[in-house]
Amino acid sequence: MTKVRVGVIGVGLRGTWHARICSQHPNCKLVGVTDVDLDKARKVSQQFNVECFRSVDDMVEDQRVDSVIVATPDFAHKEPVVVSARAGKHVLVEKPLATDIEEAEEMVKASRRYGVKLMVFFENRFLPPFLDIKNTLRDGSIGEPFYIYQDLSNSVSVPLKMLGWSGKSNVAYFLMSHTLDLARYLIGSEFSSVYAVSRSEVLKKLNLDVPDFYHAVIRFSNGAVASLHSSWTLPETMPEVFKQDLEINGSKGFVQFRWDRDIELKVFSQSVKVIRYSKLEDDPKPTIDRFLDCVAQGTEPTPSGEDGLAVVKATDALMKSVTRGEPVVIA
């Protein structure tokens, strides 16, 4: 397999993570990195002995780069994605695709216009428990899935300490983008409408003007329903900075997954199956593997830009539902 030559845009926690994986990957050559904070970019470039580009424009004009990973904050994806696509570079962009529908649409249009691949970093699709859940749905052992419940929440330390830009995003974009994508992927149907509620009190008292949580009930075009919850206010005494629960009701059975200190998947159908995962990490490598394969082999990426756009539209609709106090149709 020909090595895919990659540049990383944005070298915060995630971007540095991606740079490390690309520097060690047998099918990838890390060419360089860039960031609006050039001092930070220089340190990361020295860490991996690669080029430090002064700007996104400089990176995508370099013929040594044929693909980029965009790991800028939630609200800052559009410009690097569009500039990279215009230069003919394939793009793997962190979730959410955008925090604005028009920006998300512009990114998808740019990838189509310039004939490049656009893939969104929904890494949960590639983690072992969710692969096992998808296979369980495919084999029909729990029948037709008609209801999915998910709770993906963070310790308050994430918006207050880990993210320097949390006030320019919110827990719906940061966390529910994951559960929205997983629900759509597992149910196998398009979003139809959403009714959502929220509350803003705890974080406001801590001088962060974003909602504490969102809770959304979503209908799909095939009649299935999802109930999704995400909070940024769990106590710092939690064993991990996040907790994740997932349940699926099917016409013949039930799936239950818990991810905190103990990681366990249970499938209840004609028999009971229990899978315990001794160690599970939020691992970006399988997603990067898929992207590199798609670039090298010329295949279409999944999750695609269109998948990312669907999630942005659903997120926008659930926030409108909170404001209006009524269900909102998802375009």
C-alpha atoms as a PDB file:
ATOM      1  CA  MET A   1       0.000   0.000   0.000  1.00  0.00           C
ATOM      2  CA  THR A   2       1.342   3.409  -0.987  1.00  0.00           C
ATOM      3  CA  LYS A   3       1.852   5.634   2.027  1.00  0.00           C
ATOM      4  CA  VAL A   4      -0.664   8.473   2.350  1.00  0.00           C
ATOM      5  CA  ARG A   5       1.114  11.771   3.043  1.00  0.00           C
ATOM      6  CA  VAL A   6      -0.715  13.641   5.785  1.00  0.00           C
ATOM      7  CA  GLY A   7      -0.606  17.075   7.365  1.00  0.00           C
ATOM      8  CA  VAL A   8      -2.339  17.768  10.689  1.00  0.00           C
ATOM      9  CA  ILE A   9      -4.162  21.074  11.151  1.00  0.00           C
ATOM     10  CA  GLY A  10      -4.598  21.996  14.819  1.00  0.00           C
ATOM     11  CA  VAL A  11      -2.303  20.461  17.438  1.00  0.00           C
ATOM     12  CA  GLY A  12      -4.296  20.555  20.635  1.00  0.00           C
ATOM     13  CA  LEU A  13      -4.975  17.339  22.541  1.00  0.00           C
ATOM     14  CA  ARG A  14      -6.660  15.569  19.629  1.00  0.00           C
ATOM     15  CA  GLY A  15      -4.396  16.936  16.906  1.00  0.00           C
ATOM     16  CA  THR A  16      -1.252  15.879  18.750  1.00  0.00           C
ATOM     17  CA  TRP A  17      -2.845  12.463  19.227  1.00  0.00           C
ATOM     18  CA  HIS A  18      -3.492  12.193  15.479  1.00  0.00           C
ATOM     19  CA  ALA A  19       0.042  13.344  14.667  1.00  0.00           C
ATOM     20  CA  ARG A  20       1.466  10.635  16.922  1.00  0.00           C
ATOM     21  CA  ILE A  21      -0.606   7.914  15.265  1.00  0.00           C
ATOM     22  CA  CYS A  22       0.262   9.110  11.754  1.00  0.00           C
ATOM     23  CA  SER A  23       3.981   9.290  12.630  1.00  0.00           C
ATOM     24  CA  GLN A  24       3.890   5.616  13.666  1.00  0.00           C
ATOM     25  CA  HIS A  25       1.489   4.261  11.042  1.00  0.00           C
ATOM     26  CA  PRO A  26       2.944   1.926   8.393  1.00  0.00           C
ATOM     27  CA  ASN A  27       0.579   3.254   5.714  1.00  0.00           C
ATOM     28  CA  CYS A  28       1.087   6.943   6.478  1.00  0.00           C
ATOM     29  CA  LYS A  29       3.811   9.545   6.255  1.00  0.00           C
ATOM     30  CA  LEU A  30       3.322  12.523   8.564  1.00  0.00           C
ATOM     31  CA  VAL A  31       4.614  15.472   6.532  1.00  0.00           C
ATOM     32  CA  GLY A  32       3.931  18.321   8.940  1.00  0.00           C
ATOM     33  CA  VAL A  33       1.650  20.187  11.304  1.00  0.00           C
ATOM     34  CA  THR A  34       0.226  23.677  11.654  1.00  0.00           C
ATOM     35  CA  ASP A  35      -1.734  25.634  14.235  1.00  0.00           C
ATOM     36  CA  VAL A  36      -2.790  29.251  14.815  1.00  0.00           C
ATOM     37  CA  ASP A  37      -0.455  29.015  17.833  1.00  0.00           C
ATOM     38  CA  LEU A  38       2.842  28.646  15.972  1.00  0.00           C
ATOM     39  CA  ASP A  39       4.838  28.077  19.146  1.00  0.00           C
ATOM     40  CA  LYS A  40       2.666  25.065  19.907  1.00  0.00           C
ATOM     41  CA  ALA A  41       2.983  23.849  16.307  1.00  0.00           C
ATOM     42  CA  ARG A  42       6.782  24.166  16.447  1.00  0.00           C
ATOM     43  CA  LYS A  43       6.950  22.057  19.610  1.00  0.00           C
ATOM     44  CA  VAL A  44       4.801  19.321  18.077  1.00  0.00           C
ATOM     45  CA  SER A  45       6.753  19.417  14.799  1.00  0.00           C
ATOM     46  CA  GLN A  46       9.995  18.980  16.745  1.00  0.00           C
ATOM     47  CA  GLN A  47       8.457  16.149  18.757  1.00  0.00           C
ATOM     48  CA  PHE A  48       7.761  14.187  15.560  1.00  0.00           C
ATOM     49  CA  ASN A  49      10.621  15.621  13.469  1.00  0.00           C
ATOM     50  CA  VAL A  50       8.354  16.990  10.735  1.00  0.00           C
ATOM     51  CA  GLU A  51       7.685  20.319   9.022  1.00  0.00           C
ATOM     52  CA  CYS A  52       6.033  23.177  10.887  1.00  0.00           C
ATOM     53  CA  PHE A  53       3.870  25.028   8.359  1.00  0.00           C
ATOM     54  CA  ARG A  54       3.138  28.680   9.096  1.00  0.00           C
ATOM     55  CA  SER A  55      -0.467  28.427   7.886  1.00  0.00           C
ATOM     56  CA  VAL A  56      -3.076  26.117   6.402  1.00  0.00           C
ATOM     57  CA  ASP A  57      -2.458  27.756   3.026  1.00  0.00           C
ATOM     58  CA  ASP A  58       1.248  26.924   3.208  1.00  0.00           C
ATOM     59  CA  MET A  59       0.483  23.320   4.138  1.00  0.00           C
ATOM     60  CA  VAL A  60      -2.012  22.610   1.368  1.00  0.00           C
ATOM     61  CA  GLU A  61       0.164  24.293  -1.272  1.00  0.00           C
ATOM     62  CA  ASP A  62       2.969  21.845  -0.475  1.00  0.00           C
ATOM     63  CA  GLN A  63       3.040  18.991  -2.984  1.00  0.00           C
ATOM     64  CA  ARG A  64       4.304  16.587  -0.334  1.00  0.00           C
ATOM     65  CA  VAL A  65       0.870  16.707   1.338  1.00  0.00           C
ATOM     66  CA  ASP A  66      -2.032  14.846  -0.273  1.00  0.00           C
ATOM     67  CA  SER A  67      -4.396  14.570   2.735  1.00  0.00           C
ATOM     68  CA  VAL A  68      -5.063  16.496   5.933  1.00  0.00           C
ATOM     69  CA  ILE A  69      -6.569  15.826   9.342  1.00  0.00           C
ATOM     70  CA  VAL A  70      -8.443  18.843  10.687  1.00  0.00           C
ATOM     71  CA  ALA A  71      -8.407  18.876  14.498  1.00  0.00           C
ATOM     72  CA  THR A  72      -9.274  22.507  15.196  1.00  0.00           C
ATOM     73  CA  PRO A  73     -11.987  23.368  17.796  1.00  0.00           C
ATOM     74  CA  ASP A  74     -15.647  22.523  17.046  1.00  0.00           C
ATOM     75  CA  PHE A  75     -16.468  25.983  15.675  1.00  0.00           C
ATOM     76  CA  ALA A  76     -13.324  26.324  13.516  1.00  0.00           C
ATOM     77  CA  HIS A  77     -13.597  23.551  10.925  1.00  0.00           C
ATOM     78  CA  LYS A  78     -14.980  25.303   7.859  1.00  0.00           C
ATOM     79  CA  GLU A  79     -12.011  27.343   6.686  1.00  0.00           C
ATOM     80  CA  PRO A  80      -9.346  24.612   6.883  1.00  0.00           C
ATOM     81  CA  VAL A  81     -11.690  22.049   5.314  1.00  0.00           C
ATOM     82  CA  VAL A  82     -12.713  24.291   2.410  1.00  0.00           C
ATOM     83  CA  VAL A  83      -9.170  25.566   1.804  1.00  0.00           C
ATOM     84  CA  SER A  84      -7.840  21.998   1.814  1.00  0.00           C
ATOM     85  CA  ALA A  85     -10.564  20.732  -0.534  1.00  0.00           C
ATOM     86  CA  ARG A  86      -9.938  23.620  -2.930  1.00  0.00           C
ATOM     87  CA  ALA A  87      -6.283  22.600  -3.034  1.00  0.00           C
ATOM     88  CA  GLY A  88      -7.272  19.014  -3.903  1.00  0.00           C
ATOM     89  CA  LYS A  89      -6.452  17.496  -0.509  1.00  0.00           C
ATOM     90  CA  HIS A  90      -8.539  14.723   1.028  1.00  0.00           C
ATOM     91  CA  VAL A  91      -9.877  15.625   4.468  1.00  0.00           C
ATOM     92  CA  LEU A  92     -10.535  13.790   7.729  1.00  0.00           C
ATOM     93  CA  VAL A  93     -12.219  16.291  10.065  1.00  0.00           C
ATOM     94  CA  GLU A  94     -12.990  16.018  13.757  1.00  0.00           C
ATOM     95  CA  LYS A  95     -16.615  15.818  14.840  1.00  0.00           C
ATOM     96  CA  PRO A  96     -18.881  17.731  14.741  1.00  0.00           C
ATOM     97  CA  LEU A  97     -18.513  18.658  11.092  1.00  0.00           C
ATOM     98  CA  ALA A  98     -19.564  22.189  12.102  1.00  0.00           C
ATOM     99  CA  THR A  99     -21.619  24.140  14.617  1.00  0.00           C
ATOM    100  CA  ASP A 100     -23.566  25.820  11.823  1.00  0.00           C
ATOM    101  CA  ILE A 101     -25.652  24.223   9.049  1.00  0.00           C
ATOM    102  CA  GLU A 102     -24.495  26.614   6.313  1.00  0.00           C
ATOM    103  CA  GLU A 103     -20.859  25.973   7.151  1.00  0.00           C
ATOM    104  CA  ALA A 104     -21.423  22.211   7.126  1.00  0.00           C
ATOM    105  CA  GLU A 105     -23.163  22.436   3.750  1.00  0.00           C
ATOM    106  CA  GLU A 106     -20.318  24.544   2.364  1.00  0.00           C
ATOM    107  CA  MET A 107     -17.781  21.888   3.397  1.00  0.00           C
ATOM    108  CA  VAL A 108     -19.751  19.076   1.786  1.00  0.00           C
ATOM    109  CA  LYS A 109     -20.226  21.124  -1.413  1.00  0.00           C
ATOM    110  CA  ALA A 110     -16.507  21.929  -1.537  1.00  0.00           C
ATOM    111  CA  SER A 111     -15.550  18.259  -1.269  1.00  0.00           C
ATOM    112  CA  ARG A 112     -17.907  17.428  -4.134  1.00  0.00           C
ATOM    113  CA  ARG A 113     -16.832  20.395  -6.267  1.00  0.00           C
ATOM    114  CA  TYR A 114     -13.134  19.607  -6.015  1.00  0.00           C
ATOM    115  CA  GLY A 115     -13.496  15.816  -6.070  1.00  0.00           C
ATOM    116  CA  VAL A 116     -11.874  15.062  -2.724  1.00  0.00           C
ATOM    117  CA  LYS A 117     -12.828  12.677   0.043  1.00  0.00           C
ATOM    118  CA  LEU A 118     -14.386  14.152   3.177  1.00  0.00           C
ATOM    119  CA  MET A 119     -14.662  11.904   6.230  1.00  0.00           C
ATOM    120  CA  VAL A 120     -15.899  12.856   9.712  1.00  0.00           C
ATOM    121  CA  PHE A 121     -14.198  11.574  12.872  1.00  0.00           C
ATOM    122  CA  PHE A 122     -17.046   9.599  14.464  1.00  0.00           C
ATOM    123  CA  GLU A 123     -14.643   7.094  16.026  1.00  0.00           C
ATOM    124  CA  ASN A 124     -17.313   5.267  18.064  1.00  0.00           C
ATOM    125  CA  ARG A 125     -18.387   3.465  14.901  1.00  0.00           C
ATOM    126  CA  PHE A 126     -15.047   1.632  14.921  1.00  0.00           C
ATOM    127  CA  LEU A 127     -14.729   0.742  18.617  1.00  0.00           C
ATOM    128  CA  PRO A 128     -15.210  -2.963  19.499  1.00  0.00           C
ATOM    129  CA  PRO A 129     -18.466  -2.707  21.538  1.00  0.00           C
ATOM    130  CA  PHE A 130     -20.262  -0.740  18.852  1.00  0.00           C
ATOM    131  CA  LEU A 131     -18.986  -3.059  16.124  1.00  0.00           C
ATOM    132  CA  ASP A 132     -20.372  -5.939  18.208  1.00  0.00           C
ATOM    133  CA  ILE A 133     -23.708  -4.117  18.600  1.00  0.00           C
ATOM    134  CA  LYS A 134     -23.928  -3.423  14.856  1.00  0.00           C
ATOM    135  CA  ASN A 135     -23.187  -7.084  14.107  1.00  0.00           C
ATOM    136  CA  THR A 136     -25.894  -8.130  16.603  1.00  0.00           C
ATOM    137  CA  LEU A 137     -28.402  -5.950  14.748  1.00  0.00           C
ATOM    138  CA  ARG A 138     -27.255  -7.327  11.396  1.00  0.00           C
ATOM    139  CA  ASP A 139     -27.653 -10.968  12.455  1.00  0.00           C
ATOM    140  CA  GLY A 140     -31.277 -10.323  13.469  1.00  0.00           C
ATOM    141  CA  SER A 141     -30.993 -11.900  16.910  1.00  0.00           C
ATOM    142  CA  ILE A 142     -32.907  -9.050  18.585  1.00  0.00           C
ATOM    143  CA  GLY A 143     -35.176  -8.427  15.602  1.00  0.00           C
ATOM    144  CA  GLU A 144     -36.022  -4.949  14.331  1.00  0.00           C
ATOM    145  CA  PRO A 145     -34.609  -2.172  16.561  1.00  0.00           C
ATOM    146  CA  PHE A 146     -37.356   0.294  17.473  1.00  0.00           C
ATOM    147  CA  TYR A 147     -35.966   2.209  20.445  1.00  0.00           C
ATOM    148  CA  ILE A 148     -32.465   3.334  21.421  1.00  0.00           C
ATOM    149  CA  TYR A 149     -31.402   5.112  24.602  1.00  0.00           C
ATOM    150  CA  GLN A 150     -27.999   6.739  25.019  1.00  0.00           C
ATOM    151  CA  ASP A 151     -26.351   8.802  27.739  1.00  0.00           C
ATOM    152  CA  LEU A 152     -22.908  10.220  26.993  1.00  0.00           C
ATOM    153  CA  SER A 153     -21.843  12.752  29.610  1.00  0.00           C
ATOM    154  CA  ASN A 154     -18.695  14.427  30.916  1.00  0.00           C
ATOM    155  CA  SER A 155     -17.269  15.515  34.197  1.00  0.00           C
ATOM    156  CA  VAL A 156     -17.518  19.278  34.713  1.00  0.00           C
ATOM    157  CA  SER A 157     -13.722  19.330  34.371  1.00  0.00           C
ATOM    158  CA  VAL A 158     -14.052  18.882  30.597  1.00  0.00           C
ATOM    159  CA  PRO A 159     -15.769  22.224  29.801  1.00  0.00           C
ATOM    160  CA  LEU A 160     -14.059  24.086  32.653  1.00  0.00           C
ATOM    161  CA  LYS A 161     -10.477  22.785  32.404  1.00  0.00           C
ATOM    162  CA  MET A 162      -9.842  20.578  29.387  1.00  0.00           C
ATOM    163  CA  LEU A 163     -11.440  22.728  26.676  1.00  0.00           C
ATOM    164  CA  GLY A 164     -10.280  26.308  26.412  1.00  0.00           C
ATOM    165  CA  TRP A 165     -13.069  27.045  23.925  1.00  0.00           C
ATOM    166  CA  SER A 166     -16.101  25.319  25.480  1.00  0.00           C
ATOM    167  CA  GLY A 167     -18.010  28.629  25.567  1.00  0.00           C
ATOM    168  CA  LYS A 168     -17.948  28.660  21.747  1.00  0.00           C
ATOM    169  CA  SER A 169     -19.535  25.196  21.517  1.00  0.00           C
ATOM    170  CA  ASN A 170     -21.840  23.226  23.816  1.00  0.00           C
ATOM    171  CA  VAL A 171     -22.448  19.708  25.065  1.00  0.00           C
ATOM    172  CA  ALA A 172     -24.830  18.950  22.180  1.00  0.00           C
ATOM    173  CA  TYR A 173     -22.150  19.589  19.559  1.00  0.00           C
ATOM    174  CA  PHE A 174     -19.295  18.158  21.624  1.00  0.00           C
ATOM    175  CA  LEU A 175     -20.957  14.948  22.892  1.00  0.00           C
ATOM    176  CA  MET A 176     -24.374  14.451  21.278  1.00  0.00           C
ATOM    177  CA  SER A 177     -22.758  14.527  17.837  1.00  0.00           C
ATOM    178  CA  HIS A 178     -21.393  11.096  18.826  1.00  0.00           C
ATOM    179  CA  THR A 179     -24.704   9.677  20.027  1.00  0.00           C
ATOM    180  CA  LEU A 180     -26.701  11.191  17.163  1.00  0.00           C
ATOM    181  CA  ASP A 181     -24.366   9.554  14.653  1.00  0.00           C
ATOM    182  CA  LEU A 182     -24.415   6.228  16.506  1.00  0.00           C
ATOM    183  CA  ALA A 183     -28.221   6.236  16.738  1.00  0.00           C
ATOM    184  CA  ARG A 184     -28.602   6.970  13.019  1.00  0.00           C
ATOM    185  CA  TYR A 185     -25.952   4.366  12.139  1.00  0.00           C
ATOM    186  CA  LEU A 186     -27.356   1.607  14.365  1.00  0.00           C
ATOM    187  CA  ILE A 187     -31.038   2.216  13.609  1.00  0.00           C
ATOM    188  CA  GLY A 188     -30.268   2.536   9.898  1.00  0.00           C
ATOM    189  CA  SER A 189     -32.782   5.269   9.182  1.00  0.00           C
ATOM    190  CA  GLU A 190     -32.847   9.046   8.688  1.00  0.00           C
ATOM    191  CA  PHE A 191     -33.809  11.575  11.375  1.00  0.00           C
ATOM    192  CA  SER A 192     -37.373  12.839  11.110  1.00  0.00           C
ATOM    193  CA  SER A 193     -38.179  15.137  14.057  1.00  0.00           C
ATOM    194  CA  VAL A 194     -36.951  16.034  17.530  1.00  0.00           C
ATOM    195  CA  TYR A 195     -38.282  17.383  20.803  1.00  0.00           C
ATOM    196  CA  ALA A 196     -35.616  18.537  23.263  1.00  0.00           C
ATOM    197  CA  VAL A 197     -35.277  20.153  26.666  1.00  0.00           C
ATOM    198  CA  SER A 198     -32.308  21.754  28.370  1.00  0.00           C
ATOM    199  CA  ARG A 199     -31.293  23.681  31.462  1.00  0.00           C
ATOM    200  CA  SER A 200     -28.661  26.329  32.194  1.00  0.00           C
ATOM    201  CA  GLU A 201     -27.765  26.834  35.847  1.00  0.00           C
ATOM    202  CA  VAL A 202     -24.733  24.952  37.179  1.00  0.00           C
ATOM    203  CA  LEU A 203     -22.263  26.071  34.518  1.00  0.00           C
ATOM    204  CA  LYS A 204     -23.571  29.638  34.496  1.00  0.00           C
ATOM    205  CA  LYS A 205     -22.750  29.882  38.208  1.00  0.00           C
ATOM    206  CA  LEU A 206     -19.235  28.783  37.253  1.00  0.00           C
ATOM    207  CA  ASN A 207     -19.013  31.624  34.673  1.00  0.00           C
ATOM    208  CA  LEU A 208     -19.540  29.426  31.635  1.00  0.00           C
ATOM    209  CA  ASP A 209     -22.631  30.493  29.683  1.00  0.00           C
ATOM    210  CA  VAL A 210     -23.603  27.192  28.060  1.00  0.00           C
ATOM    211  CA  PRO A 211     -26.371  24.669  28.900  1.00  0.00           C
ATOM    212  CA  ASP A 212     -25.756  22.084  31.614  1.00  0.00           C
ATOM    213  CA  PHE A 213     -27.399  19.329  29.562  1.00  0.00           C
ATOM    214  CA  TYR A 214     -29.617  18.485  26.602  1.00  0.00           C
ATOM    215  CA  HIS A 215     -32.197  15.706  26.537  1.00  0.00           C
ATOM    216  CA  ALA A 216     -33.713  14.893  23.161  1.00  0.00           C
ATOM    217  CA  VAL A 217     -36.381  12.496  21.881  1.00  0.00           C
ATOM    218  CA  ILE A 218     -35.871  11.837  18.192  1.00  0.00           C
ATOM    219  CA  ARG A 219     -38.102  10.101  15.673  1.00  0.00           C
ATOM    220  CA  PHE A 220     -36.691   8.328  12.640  1.00  0.00           C
ATOM    221  CA  SER A 221     -38.317   7.992   9.248  1.00  0.00           C
ATOM    222  CA  ASN A 222     -38.837   4.228   9.836  1.00  0.00           C
ATOM    223  CA  GLY A 223     -40.780   4.901  13.056  1.00  0.00           C
ATOM    224  CA  ALA A 224     -37.983   4.101  15.521  1.00  0.00           C
ATOM    225  CA  VAL A 225     -37.348   6.463  18.441  1.00  0.00           C
ATOM    226  CA  ALA A 226     -34.151   7.569  20.181  1.00  0.00           C
ATOM    227  CA  SER A 227     -33.813   9.129  23.623  1.00  0.00           C
ATOM    228  CA  LEU A 228     -30.461  10.901  23.977  1.00  0.00           C
ATOM    229  CA  HIS A 229     -28.975  12.655  27.002  1.00  0.00           C
ATOM    230  CA  SER A 230     -25.679  14.511  27.415  1.00  0.00           C
ATOM    231  CA  SER A 231     -24.456  16.581  30.350  1.00  0.00           C
ATOM    232  CA  TRP A 232     -21.340  18.605  31.113  1.00  0.00           C
ATOM    233  CA  THR A 233     -21.950  18.655  34.871  1.00  0.00           C
ATOM    234  CA  LEU A 234     -20.951  15.279  36.322  1.00  0.00           C
ATOM    235  CA  PRO A 235     -18.804  15.626  39.467  1.00  0.00           C
ATOM    236  CA  GLU A 236     -15.029  15.408  39.242  1.00  0.00           C
ATOM    237  CA  THR A 237     -15.144  12.501  41.691  1.00  0.00           C
ATOM    238  CA  MET A 238     -16.456  10.264  38.889  1.00  0.00           C
ATOM    239  CA  PRO A 239     -14.030   7.393  38.130  1.00  0.00           C
ATOM    240  CA  GLU A 240     -13.636   8.653  34.545  1.00  0.00           C
ATOM    241  CA  VAL A 241     -14.161  12.028  32.864  1.00  0.00           C
ATOM    242  CA  PHE A 242     -17.056  10.499  30.918  1.00  0.00           C
ATOM    243  CA  LYS A 243     -19.779   7.888  31.221  1.00  0.00           C
ATOM    244  CA  GLN A 244     -21.569   6.152  28.373  1.00  0.00           C
ATOM    245  CA  ASP A 245     -24.696   3.998  28.459  1.00  0.00           C
ATOM    246  CA  LEU A 246     -26.573   2.513  25.505  1.00  0.00           C
ATOM    247  CA  GLU A 247     -29.692   0.347  25.320  1.00  0.00           C
ATOM    248  CA  ILE A 248     -31.578  -0.907  22.286  1.00  0.00           C
ATOM    249  CA  ASN A 249     -35.018  -2.502  22.273  1.00  0.00           C
ATOM    250  CA  GLY A 250     -35.691  -4.811  19.352  1.00  0.00           C
ATOM    251  CA  SER A 251     -38.772  -6.784  18.358  1.00  0.00           C
ATOM    252  CA  LYS A 252     -37.087 -10.001  19.595  1.00  0.00           C
ATOM    253  CA  GLY A 253     -34.574  -8.872  22.188  1.00  0.00           C
ATOM    254  CA  PHE A 254     -32.606  -6.229  24.027  1.00  0.00           C
ATOM    255  CA  VAL A 255     -29.031  -4.860  24.054  1.00  0.00           C
ATOM    256  CA  GLN A 256     -27.444  -3.167  27.061  1.00  0.00           C
ATOM    257  CA  PHE A 257     -24.009  -1.530  27.147  1.00  0.00           C
ATOM    258  CA  ARG A 258     -22.228   0.265  29.977  1.00  0.00           C
ATOM    259  CA  TRP A 259     -18.909   2.073  29.709  1.00  0.00           C
ATOM    260  CA  ASP A 260     -17.448   3.528  32.881  1.00  0.00           C
ATOM    261  CA  ARG A 261     -15.022   1.692  35.144  1.00  0.00           C
ATOM    262  CA  ASP A 262     -16.561  -1.664  34.152  1.00  0.00           C
ATOM    263  CA  ILE A 263     -17.160  -2.173  30.435  1.00  0.00           C
ATOM    264  CA  GLU A 264     -19.826  -4.716  29.567  1.00  0.00           C
ATOM    265  CA  LEU A 265     -22.185  -5.555  26.705  1.00  0.00           C
ATOM    266  CA  LYS A 266     -25.216  -7.803  27.291  1.00  0.00           C
ATOM    267  CA  VAL A 267     -27.447  -9.208  24.557  1.00  0.00           C
ATOM    268  CA  PHE A 268     -30.782 -10.705  25.608  1.00  0.00           C
ATOM    269  CA  SER A 269     -32.538 -12.700  22.873  1.00  0.00           C
ATOM    270  CA  GLN A 270     -33.348 -16.422  22.817  1.00  0.00           C
ATOM    271  CA  SER A 271     -30.264 -16.767  24.986  1.00  0.00           C
ATOM    272  CA  VAL A 272     -28.140 -14.342  27.013  1.00  0.00           C
ATOM    273  CA  LYS A 273     -24.685 -13.267  25.800  1.00  0.00           C
ATOM    274  CA  VAL A 274     -22.315 -11.193  27.914  1.00  0.00           C
ATOM    275  CA  ILE A 275     -19.137  -9.610  26.539  1.00  0.00           C
ATOM    276  CA  ARG A 276     -16.717  -7.983  28.947  1.00  0.00           C
ATOM    277  CA  TYR A 277     -14.014  -5.670  27.651  1.00  0.00           C
ATOM    278  CA  SER A 278     -10.996  -5.676  29.967  1.00  0.00           C
ATOM    279  CA  LYS A 279      -9.694  -2.427  28.516  1.00  0.00           C
ATOM    280  CA  LEU A 280     -11.283   0.038  26.165  1.00  0.00           C
ATOM    281  CA  GLU A 281      -9.873   3.354  25.015  1.00  0.00           C
ATOM    282  CA  ASP A 282     -11.212   6.239  22.978  1.00  0.00           C
ATOM    283  CA  ASP A 283      -8.923   5.105  20.157  1.00  0.00           C
ATOM    284  CA  PRO A 284      -8.697   7.217  16.991  1.00  0.00           C
ATOM    285  CA  LYS A 285      -6.467   4.722  15.142  1.00  0.00           C
ATOM    286  CA  PRO A 286      -9.246   2.588  13.555  1.00  0.00           C
ATOM    287  CA  THR A 287     -10.845   5.740  12.125  1.00  0.00           C
ATOM    288  CA  ILE A 288      -7.506   6.901  10.732  1.00  0.00           C
ATOM    289  CA  ASP A 289      -7.015   3.378   9.318  1.00  0.00           C
ATOM    290  CA  ARG A 290     -10.319   3.667   7.442  1.00  0.00           C
ATOM    291  CA  PHE A 291      -9.463   7.119   6.093  1.00  0.00           C
ATOM    292  CA  LEU A 292      -6.020   6.013   4.871  1.00  0.00           C
ATOM    293  CA  ASP A 293      -7.571   2.963   3.190  1.00  0.00           C
ATOM    294  CA  CYS A 294     -10.176   5.095   1.426  1.00  0.00           C
ATOM    295  CA  VAL A 295      -7.549   7.535   0.140  1.00  0.00           C
ATOM    296  CA  ALA A 296      -5.153   4.805  -0.988  1.00  0.00           C
ATOM    297  CA  GLN A 297      -7.829   2.640  -2.621  1.00  0.00           C
ATOM    298  CA  GLY A 298     -10.019   5.431  -3.996  1.00  0.00           C
ATOM    299  CA  THR A 299     -13.128   4.260  -2.139  1.00  0.00           C
ATOM    300  CA  GLU A 300     -15.802   6.453  -0.574  1.00  0.00           C
ATOM    301  CA  PRO A 301     -15.302   7.191   3.112  1.00  0.00           C
ATOM    302  CA  THR A 302     -17.743   6.470   5.898  1.00  0.00           C
ATOM    303  CA  PRO A 303     -18.715   8.296   8.024  1.00  0.00           C
ATOM    304  CA  SER A 304     -18.929  10.747   5.130  1.00  0.00           C
ATOM    305  CA  GLY A 305     -19.381  14.494   4.963  1.00  0.00           C
ATOM    306  CA  GLU A 306     -23.059  13.828   4.330  1.00  0.00           C
ATOM    307  CA  ASP A 307     -23.228  11.804   7.550  1.00  0.00           C
ATOM    308  CA  GLY A 308     -21.669  14.723   9.379  1.00  0.00           C
ATOM    309  CA  LEU A 309     -24.145  17.153   7.806  1.00  0.00           C
ATOM    310  CA  ALA A 310     -27.090  15.003   8.911  1.00  0.00           C
ATOM    311  CA  VAL A 311     -25.839  15.207  12.505  1.00  0.00           C
ATOM    312  CA  VAL A 312     -25.364  18.994  12.323  1.00  0.00           C
ATOM    313  CA  LYS A 313     -28.945  19.396  11.042  1.00  0.00           C
ATOM    314  CA  ALA A 314     -30.283  17.232  13.866  1.00  0.00           C
ATOM    315  CA  THR A 315     -28.265  19.169  16.467  1.00  0.00           C
ATOM    316  CA  ASP A 316     -29.512  22.483  15.121  1.00  0.00           C
ATOM    317  CA  ALA A 317     -33.108  21.207  15.208  1.00  0.00           C
ATOM    318  CA  LEU A 318     -32.866  19.989  18.818  1.00  0.00           C
ATOM    319  CA  MET A 319     -31.525  23.368  19.949  1.00  0.00           C
ATOM    320  CA  LYS A 320     -34.375  25.102  18.113  1.00  0.00           C
ATOM    321  CA  SER A 321     -36.793  22.751  19.867  1.00  0.00           C
ATOM    322  CA  VAL A 322     -35.421  23.886  23.239  1.00  0.00           C
ATOM    323  CA  THR A 323     -35.961  27.533  22.280  1.00  0.00           C
ATOM    324  CA  ARG A 324     -39.434  27.003  20.837  1.00  0.00           C
ATOM    325  CA  GLY A 325     -40.663  24.467  23.393  1.00  0.00           C
ATOM    326  CA  GLU A 326     -42.094  22.224  20.676  1.00  0.00           C
ATOM    327  CA  PRO A 327     -41.047  19.430  18.299  1.00  0.00           C
ATOM    328  CA  VAL A 328     -39.036  20.479  15.234  1.00  0.00           C
ATOM    329  CA  VAL A 329     -38.879  18.679  11.892  1.00  0.00           C
ATOM    330  CA  ILE A 330     -35.300  17.782  10.910  1.00  0.00           C
ATOM    331  CA  ALA A 331     -34.632  18.921   7.361  1.00  0.00           C
END
